[in-house]
Protein backbone atom coordinates (compact mmCIF):
# COMPACT_ATOMS: atom_id res chain seq x y z
CA UNK A 1 140.07 150.60 63.41
CA UNK A 2 142.84 148.14 62.66
CA UNK A 3 143.55 145.69 59.91
CA UNK A 4 145.82 142.74 59.50
CA UNK A 5 149.17 143.79 58.16
CA UNK A 6 151.21 141.92 55.61
CA UNK A 7 149.31 138.70 55.25
CA UNK A 8 151.15 135.84 56.90
CA UNK A 9 151.19 133.20 54.17
CA UNK A 10 149.26 130.00 54.78
CA UNK A 11 149.53 128.78 51.19
CA UNK A 12 151.49 125.74 52.40
CA UNK A 13 148.31 124.70 54.24
CA UNK A 14 146.14 124.91 51.12
CA UNK A 15 144.73 121.40 51.54
CA UNK A 16 143.60 121.99 55.11
CA UNK A 17 142.41 125.50 54.18
CA UNK A 18 140.33 124.00 51.38
CA UNK A 19 138.81 121.35 53.62
CA UNK A 20 137.78 124.03 56.12
CA UNK A 21 136.30 126.16 53.33
CA UNK A 22 134.24 123.27 51.98
CA UNK A 23 132.78 122.72 55.45
CA UNK A 24 131.96 126.42 55.96
CA UNK A 25 128.23 126.75 55.25
CA UNK A 26 128.20 130.56 55.23
CA UNK A 27 131.10 130.65 52.78
CA UNK A 28 129.41 128.13 50.51
CA UNK A 29 126.24 130.20 50.60
CA UNK A 30 128.17 133.33 49.63
CA UNK A 31 130.06 131.61 46.78
CA UNK A 32 126.89 130.09 45.32
CA UNK A 33 126.05 133.37 43.61
CA UNK A 34 129.19 133.55 41.47
CA UNK A 35 128.00 131.53 38.42
CA UNK A 36 124.75 133.48 38.15
CA UNK A 37 126.37 136.82 38.94
CA UNK A 38 129.76 137.91 37.62
CA UNK A 39 130.08 134.95 35.23
CA UNK A 40 126.72 135.55 33.58
CA UNK A 41 127.30 139.31 33.43
CA UNK A 42 130.64 138.84 31.67
CA UNK A 43 129.08 136.51 29.09
CA UNK A 44 126.31 139.01 28.34
CA UNK A 45 128.80 141.91 28.02
CA UNK A 46 131.00 139.84 25.70
CA UNK A 47 128.07 138.99 23.45
CA UNK A 48 127.13 142.66 23.16
CA UNK A 49 130.57 143.56 21.77
CA UNK A 50 131.27 141.92 18.38
CA UNK A 51 134.95 142.91 18.44
CA UNK A 52 135.56 141.48 21.91
CA UNK A 53 137.88 138.69 20.73
CA UNK A 54 139.88 140.98 18.47
CA UNK A 55 140.24 143.40 21.40
CA UNK A 56 141.69 140.54 23.45
CA UNK A 57 144.28 139.99 20.72
CA UNK A 58 145.07 143.70 20.70
CA UNK A 59 145.39 143.76 24.49
CA UNK A 60 147.71 140.74 24.52
CA UNK A 61 149.96 142.24 21.85
CA UNK A 62 149.97 145.65 23.51
CA UNK A 63 150.96 144.24 26.88
CA UNK A 64 153.67 142.09 25.29
CA UNK A 65 155.08 145.15 23.54
CA UNK A 66 155.02 147.22 26.74
CA UNK A 67 156.72 144.51 28.80
CA UNK A 68 159.39 144.11 26.12
CA UNK A 69 160.18 147.83 26.44
CA UNK A 70 159.20 148.34 30.07
CA UNK A 71 162.30 150.33 31.01
CA UNK A 72 161.69 152.89 28.28
CA UNK A 73 158.02 153.38 29.10
CA UNK A 74 158.68 153.67 32.83
CA UNK A 75 161.30 156.34 32.21
CA UNK A 76 158.89 158.21 29.94
CA UNK A 77 156.18 157.93 32.57
CA UNK A 78 158.46 159.31 35.29
CA UNK A 79 159.38 162.27 33.10
CA UNK A 80 155.71 163.02 32.43
CA UNK A 81 154.81 162.85 36.13
CA UNK A 82 157.60 165.27 37.03
CA UNK A 83 156.55 167.63 34.24
CA UNK A 84 153.02 167.62 35.70
CA UNK A 85 154.38 168.60 39.12
CA UNK A 86 154.36 165.17 40.73
CA UNK A 87 157.01 162.97 42.31
CA UNK A 88 158.01 159.38 41.54
CA UNK A 89 159.57 157.05 44.11
CA UNK A 90 161.10 153.74 43.04
CA UNK A 91 160.80 150.85 45.50
CA UNK A 92 162.65 147.58 45.04
CA UNK A 93 160.82 145.89 47.92
CA UNK A 94 157.68 146.20 50.00
CA UNK A 95 159.68 147.58 52.91
CA UNK A 96 161.07 150.35 50.71
CA UNK A 97 157.59 151.20 49.44
CA UNK A 98 156.13 151.36 52.97
CA UNK A 99 159.03 153.49 54.17
CA UNK A 100 158.56 155.96 51.31
CA UNK A 101 154.83 156.28 51.97
CA UNK A 102 155.34 156.70 55.72
CA UNK A 103 157.94 159.40 55.08
CA UNK A 104 155.51 161.31 52.83
CA UNK A 105 152.77 161.06 55.48
CA UNK A 106 155.09 162.26 58.23
CA UNK A 107 156.33 165.16 56.11
CA UNK A 108 152.70 166.18 55.66
CA UNK A 109 152.13 165.88 59.45
CA UNK A 110 149.31 163.47 58.65
CA UNK A 111 147.02 161.96 61.27
CA UNK A 112 144.28 160.39 59.11
CA UNK A 113 144.83 158.44 55.89
CA UNK A 114 142.02 157.29 53.60
CA UNK A 115 142.64 154.47 51.12
CA UNK A 116 141.07 153.21 47.94
CA UNK A 117 141.21 149.50 47.12
CA UNK A 118 144.74 148.34 46.33
CA UNK A 119 145.98 144.76 46.16
CA UNK A 120 149.56 146.06 46.04
CA UNK A 121 149.05 147.68 49.44
CA UNK A 122 147.86 144.29 50.73
CA UNK A 123 150.97 142.71 49.21
CA UNK A 124 153.31 144.99 51.17
CA UNK A 125 151.32 145.19 54.43
CA UNK A 126 150.95 148.97 54.16
CA UNK A 127 148.14 149.51 56.66
CA UNK A 128 149.94 147.80 59.52
CA UNK A 129 153.11 149.80 58.82
CA UNK A 130 151.25 153.11 58.91
CA UNK A 131 149.19 152.20 61.95
CA UNK A 132 152.32 151.15 63.83
CA UNK A 133 153.56 154.72 63.31
CA UNK A 134 150.41 156.13 64.90
CA UNK A 135 148.38 156.95 61.80
CA UNK A 136 144.68 156.18 61.47
CA UNK A 137 144.11 154.31 58.20
CA UNK A 138 140.59 153.90 56.82
CA UNK A 139 139.64 151.73 53.85
CA UNK A 140 136.97 153.51 51.77
CA UNK A 141 135.95 150.82 49.29
CA UNK A 142 132.83 149.31 50.87
CA UNK A 143 134.09 145.73 50.62
CA UNK A 144 137.49 146.67 52.01
CA UNK A 145 135.86 148.73 54.78
CA UNK A 146 133.80 145.70 55.84
CA UNK A 147 136.93 143.56 55.91
CA UNK A 148 138.81 146.18 57.89
CA UNK A 149 136.27 146.19 60.72
CA UNK A 150 136.33 142.36 60.63
CA UNK A 151 140.15 142.34 60.64
CA UNK A 152 140.17 140.17 57.53
CA UNK A 153 142.00 140.27 54.21
CA UNK A 154 140.36 140.31 50.74
CA UNK A 155 139.26 137.03 49.20
CA UNK A 156 138.87 138.38 45.66
CA UNK A 157 140.66 140.95 43.51
CA UNK A 158 137.62 143.04 42.55
CA UNK A 159 135.03 141.89 45.11
CA UNK A 160 137.08 141.66 48.31
CA UNK A 161 134.14 140.70 50.57
CA UNK A 162 132.47 138.25 48.20
CA UNK A 163 132.94 135.50 50.79
CA UNK A 164 130.53 137.19 53.21
CA UNK A 165 126.75 137.03 53.39
CA UNK A 166 124.53 140.05 53.92
CA UNK A 167 123.59 138.77 57.38
CA UNK A 168 127.26 138.75 58.40
CA UNK A 169 127.72 142.33 57.22
CA UNK A 170 124.64 143.47 59.12
CA UNK A 171 125.95 141.86 62.32
CA UNK A 172 129.34 143.56 61.84
CA UNK A 173 127.75 146.99 61.33
CA UNK A 174 125.60 146.61 64.45
CA UNK A 175 128.68 145.61 66.45
CA UNK A 176 130.96 148.36 65.08
CA UNK A 177 128.62 151.32 64.49
CA UNK A 178 127.47 151.94 68.05
CA UNK A 179 126.60 155.59 67.36
CA UNK A 180 123.40 154.58 65.54
CA UNK A 181 120.11 153.45 67.20
CA UNK A 182 120.07 149.76 68.06
CA UNK A 183 116.60 149.28 66.59
CA UNK A 184 117.52 150.75 63.20
CA UNK A 185 116.58 148.81 60.06
CA UNK A 186 119.53 147.17 58.25
CA UNK A 187 117.84 144.69 55.94
CA UNK A 188 118.28 146.09 52.45
CA UNK A 189 121.71 146.55 50.80
CA UNK A 190 120.91 150.24 50.31
CA UNK A 191 120.51 150.64 54.08
CA UNK A 192 123.92 149.09 54.73
CA UNK A 193 125.50 151.31 52.06
CA UNK A 194 123.87 154.43 53.50
CA UNK A 195 125.21 153.69 56.98
CA UNK A 196 128.73 153.11 55.68
CA UNK A 197 128.48 156.32 53.67
CA UNK A 198 127.69 158.34 56.80
CA UNK A 199 130.79 156.97 58.51
CA UNK A 200 133.12 157.36 55.55
CA UNK A 201 132.08 160.88 54.51
CA UNK A 202 133.55 162.25 57.72
CA UNK A 203 136.80 160.42 57.01
CA UNK A 204 137.02 161.77 53.47
CA UNK A 205 136.55 165.35 54.65
CA UNK A 206 139.12 165.12 57.46
CA UNK A 207 141.78 163.04 55.69
CA UNK A 208 145.28 164.46 55.43
CA UNK A 209 146.54 161.90 52.90
CA UNK A 210 144.65 159.83 50.36
CA UNK A 211 146.17 156.63 48.97
CA UNK A 212 144.94 154.82 45.87
CA UNK A 213 146.19 152.07 43.65
CA UNK A 214 146.24 152.29 39.87
CA UNK A 215 144.70 150.12 37.20
CA UNK A 216 146.92 151.70 34.56
CA UNK A 217 149.73 154.25 34.29
CA UNK A 218 150.01 156.23 31.05
CA UNK A 219 153.55 156.92 29.88
CA UNK A 220 152.39 159.55 27.40
CA UNK A 221 150.79 161.85 29.99
CA UNK A 222 152.05 160.71 33.41
CA UNK A 223 148.48 159.92 34.44
CA UNK A 224 147.23 157.17 36.74
CA UNK A 225 143.82 155.57 36.23
CA UNK A 226 141.50 153.98 38.76
CA UNK A 227 138.15 152.34 38.07
CA UNK A 228 135.46 152.13 40.77
CA UNK A 229 131.71 151.81 41.11
CA UNK A 230 131.43 153.75 44.36
CA UNK A 231 133.26 157.04 43.75
CA UNK A 232 135.36 156.48 46.86
CA UNK A 233 138.54 156.68 44.82
CA UNK A 234 137.66 160.16 43.59
CA UNK A 235 136.97 161.43 47.11
CA UNK A 236 140.11 159.76 48.45
CA UNK A 237 142.42 161.46 45.98
CA UNK A 238 140.75 164.83 45.54
CA UNK A 239 139.88 165.90 49.11
CA UNK A 240 143.11 165.08 50.93
CA UNK A 241 146.09 167.44 50.83
CA UNK A 242 148.37 164.70 49.53
CA UNK A 243 147.55 161.98 47.01
CA UNK A 244 149.80 158.90 46.95
CA UNK A 245 149.52 156.29 44.22
CA UNK A 246 150.94 152.89 45.17
CA UNK A 247 151.25 150.54 42.22
CA UNK A 248 153.58 148.10 40.49
CA UNK A 249 155.88 148.68 37.55
CA UNK A 250 153.91 146.40 35.22
CA UNK A 251 150.85 148.72 35.13
CA UNK A 252 152.28 151.15 32.58
CA UNK A 253 150.83 151.47 29.05
CA UNK A 254 152.16 153.72 26.28
CA UNK A 255 149.29 156.06 25.38
CA UNK A 256 145.80 157.25 26.27
CA UNK A 257 144.40 155.36 23.30
CA UNK A 258 146.00 152.15 24.58
CA UNK A 259 144.48 152.68 28.02
CA UNK A 260 141.07 153.27 26.47
CA UNK A 261 141.27 149.96 24.63
CA UNK A 262 142.20 148.06 27.79
CA UNK A 263 139.41 149.76 29.73
CA UNK A 264 136.91 148.33 27.24
CA UNK A 265 138.16 144.87 28.21
CA UNK A 266 138.60 145.44 31.93
CA UNK A 267 135.07 146.34 32.99
CA UNK A 268 133.42 143.77 30.75
CA UNK A 269 135.68 141.01 32.03
CA UNK A 270 135.43 142.03 35.68
CA UNK A 271 131.80 142.99 36.31
CA UNK A 272 130.08 142.71 32.94
CA UNK A 273 129.79 146.49 32.60
CA UNK A 274 130.62 148.40 29.45
CA UNK A 275 132.47 150.82 31.69
CA UNK A 276 132.60 151.27 35.46
CA UNK A 277 130.58 154.04 37.11
CA UNK A 278 133.77 156.01 37.76
CA UNK A 279 136.89 155.94 35.58
CA UNK A 280 139.23 158.54 37.04
CA UNK A 281 142.42 159.97 35.53
CA UNK A 282 144.88 161.73 37.83
CA UNK A 283 147.74 163.81 36.47
CA UNK A 284 149.82 165.61 39.07
CA UNK A 285 148.70 167.92 41.90
CA UNK A 286 146.13 170.71 41.76
CA UNK A 287 146.99 173.45 39.29
CA UNK A 288 146.11 177.15 39.44
CA UNK A 289 142.42 177.49 38.74
CA UNK A 290 141.53 173.88 39.61
CA UNK A 291 138.48 173.74 41.92
CA UNK A 292 139.83 170.79 43.88
CA UNK A 293 142.61 168.24 44.00
CA UNK A 294 145.62 167.51 46.20
CA UNK A 295 148.43 169.93 46.89
CA UNK A 296 151.01 167.18 46.32
CA UNK A 297 151.03 164.08 44.13
CA UNK A 298 153.35 161.10 44.68
CA UNK A 299 153.66 157.79 42.81
CA UNK A 300 155.34 154.76 44.39
CA UNK A 301 156.51 152.31 41.72
CA UNK A 302 156.98 148.87 43.25
CA UNK A 303 159.08 146.04 41.84
CA UNK A 304 158.93 143.38 44.59
CA UNK A 305 159.96 140.47 42.36
CA UNK A 306 158.36 141.57 39.11
CA UNK A 307 161.60 142.10 37.20
CA UNK A 308 162.55 138.54 38.11
CA UNK A 309 159.27 137.30 36.63
CA UNK A 310 159.86 139.51 33.61
CA UNK A 311 163.10 137.69 32.83
CA UNK A 312 161.66 134.20 33.30
CA UNK A 313 159.26 131.78 31.64
CA UNK A 314 156.51 133.41 33.72
CA UNK A 315 156.76 136.74 31.92
CA UNK A 316 153.27 136.41 30.39
CA UNK A 317 151.59 136.62 33.81
CA UNK A 318 152.61 140.30 33.99
CA UNK A 319 150.05 141.00 31.25
CA UNK A 320 147.36 140.67 33.95
CA UNK A 321 145.04 143.68 34.34
CA UNK A 322 143.49 142.35 37.60
CA UNK A 323 139.95 141.81 36.32
CA UNK A 324 139.28 138.67 38.37
CA UNK A 325 137.62 136.79 35.49
CA UNK A 326 139.90 133.78 35.95
CA UNK A 327 138.79 133.20 39.53
CA UNK A 328 135.13 133.87 38.76
CA UNK A 329 135.20 130.97 36.29
CA UNK A 330 137.53 128.66 38.21
CA UNK A 331 135.84 125.54 39.66
CA UNK A 332 138.43 125.37 42.43
CA UNK A 333 137.97 129.01 43.50
CA UNK A 334 134.20 128.61 43.27
CA UNK A 335 134.44 125.68 45.68
CA UNK A 336 136.83 127.06 48.32
CA UNK A 337 136.94 130.86 47.91
CA UNK A 338 139.98 133.11 48.06
CA UNK A 339 141.25 132.77 51.61
CA UNK A 340 142.06 129.08 51.09
CA UNK A 341 144.88 130.16 48.76
CA UNK A 342 146.68 131.55 51.77
CA UNK A 343 148.11 134.79 50.40
CA UNK A 344 147.23 138.03 48.65
CA UNK A 345 146.31 136.81 45.17
CA UNK A 346 143.72 134.00 44.96
CA UNK A 347 142.49 131.82 42.12
CA UNK A 348 144.40 130.86 38.98
CA UNK A 349 146.25 134.17 38.82
CA UNK A 350 147.35 133.65 42.41
CA UNK A 351 148.50 130.12 41.60
CA UNK A 352 151.00 131.69 39.20
CA UNK A 353 151.84 134.97 40.97
CA UNK A 354 152.16 133.80 44.57
CA UNK A 355 154.97 131.24 44.02
CA UNK A 356 156.87 133.99 42.22
CA UNK A 357 156.54 136.36 45.17
CA UNK A 358 156.77 134.06 48.21
CA UNK A 359 158.46 130.97 46.71
CA UNK A 360 157.44 127.43 45.84
CA UNK A 361 158.23 126.13 49.32
CA UNK A 362 155.41 128.29 50.64
CA UNK A 363 153.04 128.41 47.65
CA UNK A 364 153.92 125.24 45.73
CA UNK A 365 150.52 123.71 46.49
CA UNK A 366 148.69 126.40 44.53
CA UNK A 367 149.76 125.46 40.96
CA UNK A 368 148.76 121.91 41.87
CA UNK A 369 145.28 123.02 42.98
CA UNK A 370 143.92 123.06 39.45
CA UNK A 371 141.79 120.80 37.29
CA UNK A 372 143.52 122.28 34.20
CA UNK A 373 140.06 122.69 32.65
CA UNK A 374 141.37 125.79 30.87
CA UNK A 375 138.44 128.06 31.71
CA UNK A 376 140.79 130.67 33.21
CA UNK A 377 142.74 131.01 29.98
CA UNK A 378 139.59 131.00 27.87
CA UNK A 379 138.16 134.07 29.65
CA UNK A 380 141.35 136.02 30.41
CA UNK A 381 141.14 139.33 28.51
CA UNK A 382 144.93 139.30 28.07
CA UNK A 383 144.96 135.64 26.94
CA UNK A 384 147.44 134.66 29.67
CA UNK A 385 148.14 130.90 29.35
CA UNK A 386 147.60 130.26 33.05
CA UNK A 387 147.53 126.42 32.85
CA UNK A 388 150.87 126.44 31.01
CA UNK A 389 152.40 128.71 33.63
CA UNK A 390 151.09 126.52 36.43
CA UNK A 391 152.75 123.54 34.74
CA UNK A 392 156.03 125.48 34.72
CA UNK A 393 155.74 125.93 38.49
CA UNK A 394 155.05 122.21 38.91
CA UNK A 395 158.12 121.41 36.87
CA UNK A 396 160.27 123.82 38.86
CA UNK A 397 158.96 122.42 42.13
CA UNK A 398 159.83 118.89 40.99
CA UNK A 399 163.33 119.85 39.80
CA UNK A 400 164.03 121.61 43.12
CA UNK A 401 162.98 118.49 45.02
CA UNK A 402 160.07 120.24 46.73
CA UNK A 403 157.36 117.90 45.43
CA UNK A 404 155.94 115.75 48.28
CA UNK A 405 157.59 112.34 48.64
CA UNK A 406 154.43 110.37 47.87
CA UNK A 407 153.83 112.40 44.71
CA UNK A 408 157.42 111.94 43.56
CA UNK A 409 157.23 108.19 44.09
CA UNK A 410 153.92 108.03 42.24
CA UNK A 411 155.40 109.94 39.29
CA UNK A 412 158.50 107.74 39.22
CA UNK A 413 156.33 104.61 39.29
CA UNK A 414 154.22 105.99 36.48
CA UNK A 415 157.34 106.80 34.46
CA UNK A 416 158.61 103.22 34.88
CA UNK A 417 155.31 101.81 33.59
CA UNK A 418 154.97 104.40 30.80
CA UNK A 419 158.38 103.36 29.40
CA UNK A 420 157.33 99.69 29.40
CA UNK A 421 154.02 99.32 27.54
CA UNK A 422 153.88 95.56 28.11
CA UNK A 423 153.99 96.10 31.90
CA UNK A 424 151.50 98.96 31.72
CA UNK A 425 148.97 96.89 29.77
CA UNK A 426 149.44 93.84 32.00
CA UNK A 427 148.93 95.86 35.21
CA UNK A 428 145.91 97.64 33.70
CA UNK A 429 144.27 94.30 32.92
CA UNK A 430 144.89 92.96 36.42
CA UNK A 431 143.56 96.12 38.14
CA UNK A 432 140.52 96.39 35.88
CA UNK A 433 139.51 92.79 36.54
CA UNK A 434 140.20 93.06 40.28
CA UNK A 435 138.12 96.22 40.64
CA UNK A 436 135.31 94.66 38.60
CA UNK A 437 135.31 91.70 40.94
CA UNK A 438 135.48 93.90 44.06
CA UNK A 439 132.61 96.02 42.79
CA UNK A 440 130.38 93.14 41.83
CA UNK A 441 126.76 94.21 42.13
CA UNK A 442 127.65 97.90 42.47
CA UNK A 443 127.43 100.76 39.99
CA UNK A 444 130.22 102.72 41.68
CA UNK A 445 132.65 102.73 44.58
CA UNK A 446 131.93 105.20 47.38
CA UNK A 447 135.34 104.56 48.94
CA UNK A 448 138.69 103.33 47.62
CA UNK A 449 142.07 102.97 49.36
CA UNK A 450 144.56 105.71 48.38
CA UNK A 451 141.73 107.57 46.58
CA UNK A 452 139.92 109.25 49.44
CA UNK A 453 140.38 112.65 47.82
CA UNK A 454 138.30 111.47 44.88
CA UNK A 455 135.64 109.37 46.60
CA UNK A 456 135.19 111.97 49.34
CA UNK A 457 133.38 114.19 46.83
CA UNK A 458 132.23 111.84 44.06
CA UNK A 459 131.69 108.19 43.27
CA UNK A 460 134.14 106.12 41.23
CA UNK A 461 132.39 104.00 38.56
CA UNK A 462 133.10 100.29 38.71
CA UNK A 463 135.28 99.38 35.68
CA UNK A 464 133.77 97.05 33.03
CA UNK A 465 136.47 94.44 33.69
CA UNK A 466 138.30 95.07 30.46
CA UNK A 467 140.73 97.86 29.59
CA UNK A 468 140.01 100.44 26.93
CA UNK A 469 142.57 98.83 24.66
CA UNK A 470 140.83 95.48 24.99
CA UNK A 471 137.42 96.95 24.26
CA UNK A 472 138.81 98.86 21.27
CA UNK A 473 140.54 95.76 19.89
CA UNK A 474 137.34 93.74 20.24
CA UNK A 475 135.33 96.36 18.36
CA UNK A 476 137.92 96.57 15.64
CA UNK A 477 137.89 92.80 15.29
CA UNK A 478 134.10 92.75 15.09
CA UNK A 479 134.10 95.55 12.50
CA UNK A 480 136.64 93.66 10.36
CA UNK A 481 134.51 90.52 10.44
CA UNK A 482 131.43 92.46 9.38
CA UNK A 483 133.31 94.03 6.48
CA UNK A 484 134.51 90.63 5.29
CA UNK A 485 131.01 89.18 5.62
CA UNK A 486 129.65 91.97 3.44
């Protein structure tokens, strides 16, 4: 089995990606379940926890404190890992992280590597690097496994295959799993899961190295935490001889109590659960008397641009705990899915993270792909001001001269009018009357020049022929007359 390596960015083609996504009937069918699924489940979980909002405040403050003292907590974490018998490897870039992991695998004479779900591994193109060196790499999260046999990348942080329908998965299993009878029944989700389980169990048992990500790192104990609903993470890290954790430097928290508080927010925000089916703490390799566990334990701490974000106006985005709530509630994501964003992180969080990692020339369209409705910020468990951060990227793009020419000219024209109220009002009156005349007998325009992006998806109401200021002035005048008459 193979998988695409480091995702070649197509964020610069967001507009064409989005148009293709809107025309994809299977994708639209798959995305239709989001509002009634993860969104509704989060709302129900929030309502069952009276202290949910105060926990969000605590989480925000905790993450701010940790980021302000990140160097100290990372050093403390490293010390704790070493004391527990593990090893810590610092990686400035994705290439360094991949090289360190490959070296560990080669030292262990590994042939088969099992992996839990990890967006950081997607970020650095880990699978392709290991496969190029002759290793077999198998994704064990069911969604990631499906994508691996399809040679696709995730479209969501917590539900990587959410863009697929059940019929597509069934077709993929029949194509890939040729060892099973052709006439077997694969209609129910449980039947698909059972078939995948039969394939993956053999991989778990024979794996030489298991690789997982980490939802949190605990400085106090040197532990890493993963949350899953399938148990694949536990099998990945406990059955292989070597367990490698690949994660980023911003995942550290000070204490076990702090991690417990964030876990109460994570599951509720992500899937609407009070807690995931499996919440697994790993602290070093197997000790004397332990019934299972790896013989060696390695942690790869990746920077890859995060310290640059830490020292910028985008620092608050590093509070993210990767719950996916922002994209679940985003009207843009709900319309086009994750692949339209053209790189590893989709949705509102991707619109802020991706420009920081791959630059505004490549990902500058993403902060502009927002209605600024504010739903992402309103549901973020860490209260990250995502719309504000997207505005910062827009400002930086404009200052660097990367904003498209038409957009720049439109903004300059608007600025000229905005500084001259008399011209603004005069032009508004002319346009309002002209559009009223052009739309005579109509309730709305179905097409307008220079506004195809709007009228392509919705109608534009015909103006009343007077500007808002004129209507307001007329009402004020009428009100004054009535007061004088009384």
